[in-house]
C-alpha atoms as a PDB file:
ATOM      1  CA  MET A   1       0.000   0.000   0.000  1.00  0.00           C
ATOM      2  CA  THR A   2       0.982   3.620  -0.388  1.00  0.00           C
ATOM      3  CA  VAL A   3       0.372   6.935   1.303  1.00  0.00           C
ATOM      4  CA  GLU A   4      -0.583   9.736  -1.103  1.00  0.00           C
ATOM      5  CA  PHE A   5       0.854  13.174  -0.299  1.00  0.00           C
ATOM      6  CA  GLU A   6      -1.350  16.023  -1.560  1.00  0.00           C
ATOM      7  CA  PRO A   7       0.078  19.579  -1.388  1.00  0.00           C
ATOM      8  CA  LYS A   8      -2.003  22.488  -0.147  1.00  0.00           C
ATOM      9  CA  LYS A   9      -0.179  24.894  -2.474  1.00  0.00           C
ATOM     10  CA  GLU A  10      -1.262  24.944  -6.091  1.00  0.00           C
ATOM     11  CA  GLY A  11       1.424  24.028  -8.592  1.00  0.00           C
ATOM     12  CA  CYS A  12       3.368  21.706  -6.296  1.00  0.00           C
ATOM     13  CA  PHE A  13       3.730  18.065  -7.272  1.00  0.00           C
ATOM     14  CA  CYS A  14       1.994  15.261  -5.399  1.00  0.00           C
ATOM     15  CA  PHE A  15       3.339  11.751  -4.908  1.00  0.00           C
ATOM     16  CA  GLY A  16       2.675   8.366  -3.394  1.00  0.00           C
ATOM     17  CA  ALA A  17       5.117   6.727  -1.005  1.00  0.00           C
ATOM     18  CA  PRO A  18       5.313   3.137   0.202  1.00  0.00           C
ATOM     19  CA  ASN A  19       3.922   2.642   3.702  1.00  0.00           C
ATOM     20  CA  ASP A  20       7.305   1.515   5.019  1.00  0.00           C
ATOM     21  CA  HIS A  21       8.950   4.819   3.961  1.00  0.00           C
ATOM     22  CA  VAL A  22       6.243   6.830   5.702  1.00  0.00           C
ATOM     23  CA  PHE A  23       6.184   4.642   8.809  1.00  0.00           C
ATOM     24  CA  ASP A  24       9.997   4.826   9.108  1.00  0.00           C
ATOM     25  CA  LEU A  25       9.729   8.611   9.000  1.00  0.00           C
ATOM     26  CA  LEU A  26       6.896   8.716  11.554  1.00  0.00           C
ATOM     27  CA  LYS A  27       8.960   6.620  13.999  1.00  0.00           C
ATOM     28  CA  LYS A  28      11.696   9.267  14.202  1.00  0.00           C
ATOM     29  CA  GLU A  29      11.719  11.175  17.514  1.00  0.00           C
ATOM     30  CA  ARG A  30      12.131  14.564  15.822  1.00  0.00           C
ATOM     31  CA  VAL A  31       9.229  13.834  13.469  1.00  0.00           C
ATOM     32  CA  LYS A  32       7.066  12.901  16.470  1.00  0.00           C
ATOM     33  CA  GLN A  33       7.958  16.285  17.981  1.00  0.00           C
ATOM     34  CA  ILE A  34       7.006  18.056  14.753  1.00  0.00           C
ATOM     35  CA  LEU A  35       3.776  16.185  13.953  1.00  0.00           C
ATOM     36  CA  GLY A  36       2.772  14.827  17.324  1.00  0.00           C
ATOM     37  CA  ASP A  37       2.686  11.122  18.030  1.00  0.00           C
ATOM     38  CA  VAL A  38       0.634  10.134  14.976  1.00  0.00           C
ATOM     39  CA  PRO A  39      -0.320   6.462  14.639  1.00  0.00           C
ATOM     40  CA  LEU A  40       1.513   4.215  12.191  1.00  0.00           C
ATOM     41  CA  SER A  41      -1.461   3.815   9.911  1.00  0.00           C
ATOM     42  CA  ASN A  42      -2.873   5.061   6.649  1.00  0.00           C
ATOM     43  CA  ASP A  43      -5.211   7.427   8.479  1.00  0.00           C
ATOM     44  CA  PRO A  44      -5.272  10.867   6.840  1.00  0.00           C
ATOM     45  CA  MET A  45      -2.937  13.546   8.185  1.00  0.00           C
ATOM     46  CA  ASP A  46      -3.351  17.307   7.863  1.00  0.00           C
ATOM     47  CA  VAL A  47       0.051  18.965   8.138  1.00  0.00           C
ATOM     48  CA  THR A  48       0.573  22.727   8.362  1.00  0.00           C
ATOM     49  CA  GLU A  49       3.100  24.676   6.336  1.00  0.00           C
ATOM     50  CA  ALA A  50       5.218  25.269   9.455  1.00  0.00           C
ATOM     51  CA  GLN A  51       5.266  21.543  10.224  1.00  0.00           C
ATOM     52  CA  SER A  52       6.109  20.745   6.620  1.00  0.00           C
ATOM     53  CA  LEU A  53       9.029  23.191   6.599  1.00  0.00           C
ATOM     54  CA  ALA A  54      10.311  21.667   9.845  1.00  0.00           C
ATOM     55  CA  LEU A  55      10.148  18.210   8.238  1.00  0.00           C
ATOM     56  CA  ALA A  56      12.136  19.484   5.247  1.00  0.00           C
ATOM     57  CA  ALA A  57      14.806  20.938   7.529  1.00  0.00           C
ATOM     58  CA  TYR A  58      15.036  17.675   9.489  1.00  0.00           C
ATOM     59  CA  ILE A  59      15.427  15.593   6.335  1.00  0.00           C
ATOM     60  CA  LYS A  60      18.047  17.944   4.870  1.00  0.00           C
ATOM     61  CA  GLU A  61      20.035  18.017   8.123  1.00  0.00           C
ATOM     62  CA  ASN A  62      20.019  14.255   8.591  1.00  0.00           C
ATOM     63  CA  LYS A  63      19.751  12.940   5.020  1.00  0.00           C
ATOM     64  CA  LEU A  64      18.223   9.809   6.595  1.00  0.00           C
ATOM     65  CA  THR A  65      21.261   7.841   5.459  1.00  0.00           C
ATOM     66  CA  GLU A  66      20.622   5.148   8.057  1.00  0.00           C
ATOM     67  CA  LEU A  67      17.532   4.226   6.046  1.00  0.00           C
ATOM     68  CA  LYS A  68      19.134   2.681   2.985  1.00  0.00           C
ATOM     69  CA  ARG A  69      15.967   2.622   0.889  1.00  0.00           C
ATOM     70  CA  TRP A  70      15.542   6.397   1.427  1.00  0.00           C
ATOM     71  CA  ARG A  71      18.829   7.483  -0.120  1.00  0.00           C
ATOM     72  CA  ALA A  72      17.336   8.230  -3.526  1.00  0.00           C
ATOM     73  CA  ASP A  73      14.158   9.691  -2.062  1.00  0.00           C
ATOM     74  CA  ALA A  74      15.356  12.022   0.717  1.00  0.00           C
ATOM     75  CA  ASP A  75      15.886  15.000  -1.600  1.00  0.00           C
ATOM     76  CA  MET A  76      12.464  14.528  -3.211  1.00  0.00           C
ATOM     77  CA  TYR A  77      10.750  14.425   0.200  1.00  0.00           C
ATOM     78  CA  ALA A  78      12.626  17.561   1.312  1.00  0.00           C
ATOM     79  CA  GLU A  79      11.730  19.381  -1.912  1.00  0.00           C
ATOM     80  CA  PHE A  80       8.059  18.495  -1.508  1.00  0.00           C
ATOM     81  CA  PHE A  81       7.947  19.484   2.177  1.00  0.00           C
ATOM     82  CA  GLU A  82       9.629  22.831   1.379  1.00  0.00           C
ATOM     83  CA  SER A  83       7.342  23.801  -1.486  1.00  0.00           C
ATOM     84  CA  CYS A  84       3.946  22.239  -0.709  1.00  0.00           C
ATOM     85  CA  GLY A  85       2.522  24.869   1.661  1.00  0.00           C
ATOM     86  CA  GLY A  86       1.485  22.088   4.030  1.00  0.00           C
ATOM     87  CA  PHE A  87      -0.091  18.845   2.931  1.00  0.00           C
ATOM     88  CA  THR A  88      -2.685  16.200   3.548  1.00  0.00           C
ATOM     89  CA  THR A  89      -2.351  12.464   3.138  1.00  0.00           C
ATOM     90  CA  ARG A  90      -4.774   9.825   2.033  1.00  0.00           C
END
């Protein structure tokens, strides 16, 4: 299954991510601080622009290199979080 990321800002791309990518991100302590302790599920999330920018900064600072499968995706996630104006998931 996938989680679909829908931007709040017009003109920004949307994308789908495998559940394991999203769940790995949601397990991170810093992400829990940014988003709150959201459940590891496909329940919809509504993320503000400030939260999204904080996620982008976290990803850029850490590059998530310990998550091997993220290496190619970290920059794309950071770009989305920086430019989306906040987002929802479905």
